[in-house]
């Protein structure tokens, strides 16, 4: 789906694959990449694409909750947090990922939290990009 209007474009460069490095064009992000031990790598020397995806999706989803919360007159707690898991595994055509997110909305009534999370899942760019492509499990913790 084409964008109606581009609001922001991030620029990044990766070299060396899972044993390389990644950097943003503005220098704000610079990470060493390494393959986890579970996948046959040395582990411990850097981050990996799955960790970056987990943090990116969680941060983006919090932003979506704040955006829809404002429209719905629902105050998102200042200490909102998401614990995201991105799992990698084989699929018939190669490899795929799945996502599980535990969403912490301290002090929020469960019915209101469910309404907020459902609405955020409809507008979050990561949710829209992954919908129908990977399993995404959202759980209010």
C-alpha atoms as a PDB file:
ATOM      1  CA  UNK A   1       0.000   0.000   0.000  1.00  0.00           C
ATOM      2  CA  UNK A   2       1.422   3.363  -1.026  1.00  0.00           C
ATOM      3  CA  UNK A   3       1.584   6.192   1.513  1.00  0.00           C
ATOM      4  CA  UNK A   4      -0.644   9.207   0.970  1.00  0.00           C
ATOM      5  CA  UNK A   5       2.061  11.448   2.396  1.00  0.00           C
ATOM      6  CA  UNK A   6       5.563  10.741   3.738  1.00  0.00           C
ATOM      7  CA  UNK A   7       5.989  12.208   7.232  1.00  0.00           C
ATOM      8  CA  UNK A   8       9.464  10.864   7.946  1.00  0.00           C
ATOM      9  CA  UNK A   9      12.044   8.608   6.327  1.00  0.00           C
ATOM     10  CA  UNK A  10      14.681   6.781   8.360  1.00  0.00           C
ATOM     11  CA  UNK A  11      17.949   5.909   6.694  1.00  0.00           C
ATOM     12  CA  UNK A  12      20.101   3.062   7.908  1.00  0.00           C
ATOM     13  CA  UNK A  13      22.868   0.853   6.614  1.00  0.00           C
ATOM     14  CA  UNK A  14      23.826  -2.666   7.595  1.00  0.00           C
ATOM     15  CA  UNK A  15      27.070  -4.341   6.640  1.00  0.00           C
ATOM     16  CA  UNK A  16      28.237  -7.882   7.273  1.00  0.00           C
ATOM     17  CA  UNK A  17      24.784  -9.365   7.904  1.00  0.00           C
ATOM     18  CA  UNK A  18      24.276 -10.965  11.309  1.00  0.00           C
ATOM     19  CA  UNK A  19      27.997 -10.610  12.078  1.00  0.00           C
ATOM     20  CA  UNK A  20      28.330  -6.998  11.036  1.00  0.00           C
ATOM     21  CA  UNK A  21      27.092  -3.627  12.141  1.00  0.00           C
ATOM     22  CA  UNK A  22      24.190  -1.278  11.622  1.00  0.00           C
ATOM     23  CA  UNK A  23      24.117   2.500  11.652  1.00  0.00           C
ATOM     24  CA  UNK A  24      21.602   5.251  11.075  1.00  0.00           C
ATOM     25  CA  UNK A  25      22.575   8.009   8.663  1.00  0.00           C
ATOM     26  CA  UNK A  26      22.397  10.640  11.419  1.00  0.00           C
ATOM     27  CA  UNK A  27      24.695   8.680  13.754  1.00  0.00           C
ATOM     28  CA  UNK A  28      22.046   8.349  16.488  1.00  0.00           C
ATOM     29  CA  UNK A  29      22.145   4.551  16.170  1.00  0.00           C
ATOM     30  CA  UNK A  30      25.271   2.444  15.852  1.00  0.00           C
ATOM     31  CA  UNK A  31      25.101  -1.209  16.800  1.00  0.00           C
ATOM     32  CA  UNK A  32      27.313  -4.235  16.496  1.00  0.00           C
ATOM     33  CA  UNK A  33      25.402  -7.257  15.231  1.00  0.00           C
ATOM     34  CA  UNK A  34      25.991 -10.863  16.232  1.00  0.00           C
ATOM     35  CA  UNK A  35      24.273 -14.186  15.772  1.00  0.00           C
ATOM     36  CA  UNK A  36      22.710 -15.589  18.965  1.00  0.00           C
ATOM     37  CA  UNK A  37      24.161 -18.797  20.407  1.00  0.00           C
ATOM     38  CA  UNK A  38      20.777 -20.467  19.833  1.00  0.00           C
ATOM     39  CA  UNK A  39      21.353 -19.995  16.103  1.00  0.00           C
ATOM     40  CA  UNK A  40      24.948 -21.245  16.112  1.00  0.00           C
ATOM     41  CA  UNK A  41      26.662 -17.912  16.692  1.00  0.00           C
ATOM     42  CA  UNK A  42      28.988 -16.731  19.432  1.00  0.00           C
ATOM     43  CA  UNK A  43      26.298 -14.496  20.947  1.00  0.00           C
ATOM     44  CA  UNK A  44      26.933 -11.773  23.473  1.00  0.00           C
ATOM     45  CA  UNK A  45      28.888  -9.502  21.168  1.00  0.00           C
ATOM     46  CA  UNK A  46      26.042  -7.419  19.820  1.00  0.00           C
ATOM     47  CA  UNK A  47      22.374  -7.186  19.073  1.00  0.00           C
ATOM     48  CA  UNK A  48      20.431  -8.922  16.321  1.00  0.00           C
ATOM     49  CA  UNK A  49      17.578  -8.081  13.932  1.00  0.00           C
ATOM     50  CA  UNK A  50      14.986  -9.787  16.131  1.00  0.00           C
ATOM     51  CA  UNK A  51      15.923  -7.687  19.177  1.00  0.00           C
ATOM     52  CA  UNK A  52      15.818  -4.521  17.094  1.00  0.00           C
ATOM     53  CA  UNK A  53      12.392  -5.482  15.725  1.00  0.00           C
ATOM     54  CA  UNK A  54      11.095  -6.232  19.249  1.00  0.00           C
ATOM     55  CA  UNK A  55      12.173  -2.847  20.602  1.00  0.00           C
ATOM     56  CA  UNK A  56      10.989  -0.990  17.500  1.00  0.00           C
ATOM     57  CA  UNK A  57       7.551  -2.617  17.487  1.00  0.00           C
ATOM     58  CA  UNK A  58       7.084  -2.055  21.233  1.00  0.00           C
ATOM     59  CA  UNK A  59       8.059   1.623  21.026  1.00  0.00           C
ATOM     60  CA  UNK A  60       5.886   2.186  17.967  1.00  0.00           C
ATOM     61  CA  UNK A  61       2.907   0.471  19.616  1.00  0.00           C
ATOM     62  CA  UNK A  62       3.221   2.724  22.688  1.00  0.00           C
ATOM     63  CA  UNK A  63       3.189   5.709  20.330  1.00  0.00           C
ATOM     64  CA  UNK A  64       0.050   4.345  18.665  1.00  0.00           C
ATOM     65  CA  UNK A  65      -1.634   3.912  22.069  1.00  0.00           C
ATOM     66  CA  UNK A  66      -0.820   7.524  22.952  1.00  0.00           C
ATOM     67  CA  UNK A  67      -2.161   8.759  19.607  1.00  0.00           C
ATOM     68  CA  UNK A  68      -5.455   6.868  19.776  1.00  0.00           C
ATOM     69  CA  UNK A  69      -5.709   7.473  23.523  1.00  0.00           C
ATOM     70  CA  UNK A  70      -5.745  11.198  22.872  1.00  0.00           C
ATOM     71  CA  UNK A  71      -8.536  10.839  20.324  1.00  0.00           C
ATOM     72  CA  UNK A  72     -10.511   8.502  22.605  1.00  0.00           C
ATOM     73  CA  UNK A  73      -9.983  10.684  25.704  1.00  0.00           C
ATOM     74  CA  UNK A  74      -8.106   7.825  27.410  1.00  0.00           C
ATOM     75  CA  UNK A  75      -5.052   8.830  29.425  1.00  0.00           C
ATOM     76  CA  UNK A  76      -2.180   6.431  28.782  1.00  0.00           C
ATOM     77  CA  UNK A  77      -0.212   5.898  32.018  1.00  0.00           C
ATOM     78  CA  UNK A  78       3.192   7.586  32.111  1.00  0.00           C
ATOM     79  CA  UNK A  79       4.760   4.258  33.116  1.00  0.00           C
ATOM     80  CA  UNK A  80       3.282   2.292  30.198  1.00  0.00           C
ATOM     81  CA  UNK A  81       5.629  -0.501  29.079  1.00  0.00           C
ATOM     82  CA  UNK A  82       5.651  -3.356  26.609  1.00  0.00           C
ATOM     83  CA  UNK A  83       7.669  -6.542  26.900  1.00  0.00           C
ATOM     84  CA  UNK A  84       8.021  -7.764  23.320  1.00  0.00           C
ATOM     85  CA  UNK A  85       9.191 -11.165  22.114  1.00  0.00           C
ATOM     86  CA  UNK A  86      10.161 -11.743  18.501  1.00  0.00           C
ATOM     87  CA  UNK A  87      10.760 -15.402  17.722  1.00  0.00           C
ATOM     88  CA  UNK A  88      12.511 -16.723  14.624  1.00  0.00           C
ATOM     89  CA  UNK A  89      11.918 -20.171  13.175  1.00  0.00           C
ATOM     90  CA  UNK A  90      11.571 -22.215  10.020  1.00  0.00           C
ATOM     91  CA  UNK A  91       8.545 -21.978   7.738  1.00  0.00           C
ATOM     92  CA  UNK A  92       7.993 -23.909   4.487  1.00  0.00           C
ATOM     93  CA  UNK A  93       9.579 -21.165   2.354  1.00  0.00           C
ATOM     94  CA  UNK A  94      12.550 -20.396   4.628  1.00  0.00           C
ATOM     95  CA  UNK A  95      12.333 -18.527   7.931  1.00  0.00           C
ATOM     96  CA  UNK A  96       9.653 -16.463   9.611  1.00  0.00           C
ATOM     97  CA  UNK A  97       9.002 -14.543  12.790  1.00  0.00           C
ATOM     98  CA  UNK A  98       6.200 -14.285  15.305  1.00  0.00           C
ATOM     99  CA  UNK A  99       5.557 -11.592  17.898  1.00  0.00           C
ATOM    100  CA  UNK A 100       4.160 -11.656  21.421  1.00  0.00           C
ATOM    101  CA  UNK A 101       3.695  -8.418  23.347  1.00  0.00           C
ATOM    102  CA  UNK A 102       2.791  -8.104  27.009  1.00  0.00           C
ATOM    103  CA  UNK A 103       1.339  -4.613  27.426  1.00  0.00           C
ATOM    104  CA  UNK A 104       1.582  -3.021  30.871  1.00  0.00           C
ATOM    105  CA  UNK A 105      -0.931  -0.226  31.516  1.00  0.00           C
ATOM    106  CA  UNK A 106      -0.680   0.258  35.302  1.00  0.00           C
ATOM    107  CA  UNK A 107      -3.852   1.436  36.995  1.00  0.00           C
ATOM    108  CA  UNK A 108      -5.986   1.247  33.862  1.00  0.00           C
ATOM    109  CA  UNK A 109      -9.316  -0.559  34.016  1.00  0.00           C
ATOM    110  CA  UNK A 110      -9.086  -3.779  31.970  1.00  0.00           C
ATOM    111  CA  UNK A 111     -12.023  -2.978  29.648  1.00  0.00           C
ATOM    112  CA  UNK A 112     -10.547   0.443  28.850  1.00  0.00           C
ATOM    113  CA  UNK A 113      -7.092  -1.087  28.316  1.00  0.00           C
ATOM    114  CA  UNK A 114      -8.545  -3.651  25.900  1.00  0.00           C
ATOM    115  CA  UNK A 115     -10.329  -0.904  23.964  1.00  0.00           C
ATOM    116  CA  UNK A 116      -7.113   1.130  23.763  1.00  0.00           C
ATOM    117  CA  UNK A 117      -4.964  -1.818  22.653  1.00  0.00           C
ATOM    118  CA  UNK A 118      -7.490  -2.855  19.993  1.00  0.00           C
ATOM    119  CA  UNK A 119      -7.597   0.670  18.577  1.00  0.00           C
ATOM    120  CA  UNK A 120      -3.798   1.043  18.674  1.00  0.00           C
ATOM    121  CA  UNK A 121      -3.362  -2.258  16.817  1.00  0.00           C
ATOM    122  CA  UNK A 122      -5.400  -0.797  13.940  1.00  0.00           C
ATOM    123  CA  UNK A 123      -3.197   2.301  13.529  1.00  0.00           C
ATOM    124  CA  UNK A 124       0.305   1.150  14.555  1.00  0.00           C
ATOM    125  CA  UNK A 125       2.565   1.071  11.474  1.00  0.00           C
ATOM    126  CA  UNK A 126       4.250  -2.157  12.618  1.00  0.00           C
ATOM    127  CA  UNK A 127       0.860  -3.792  13.173  1.00  0.00           C
ATOM    128  CA  UNK A 128      -0.296  -2.680   9.737  1.00  0.00           C
ATOM    129  CA  UNK A 129       2.932  -3.921   8.123  1.00  0.00           C
ATOM    130  CA  UNK A 130       2.735  -7.344   9.754  1.00  0.00           C
ATOM    131  CA  UNK A 131      -1.041  -7.945   9.682  1.00  0.00           C
ATOM    132  CA  UNK A 132      -1.777 -11.114   7.756  1.00  0.00           C
ATOM    133  CA  UNK A 133       1.939 -11.904   7.384  1.00  0.00           C
ATOM    134  CA  UNK A 134       2.985 -13.068  10.851  1.00  0.00           C
ATOM    135  CA  UNK A 135       1.344 -14.139  14.082  1.00  0.00           C
ATOM    136  CA  UNK A 136       1.072 -11.237  16.527  1.00  0.00           C
ATOM    137  CA  UNK A 137      -0.238 -11.906  20.040  1.00  0.00           C
ATOM    138  CA  UNK A 138      -1.194  -8.927  22.184  1.00  0.00           C
ATOM    139  CA  UNK A 139      -1.757  -9.513  25.886  1.00  0.00           C
ATOM    140  CA  UNK A 140      -2.593  -6.978  28.561  1.00  0.00           C
ATOM    141  CA  UNK A 141      -0.347  -7.860  31.476  1.00  0.00           C
END
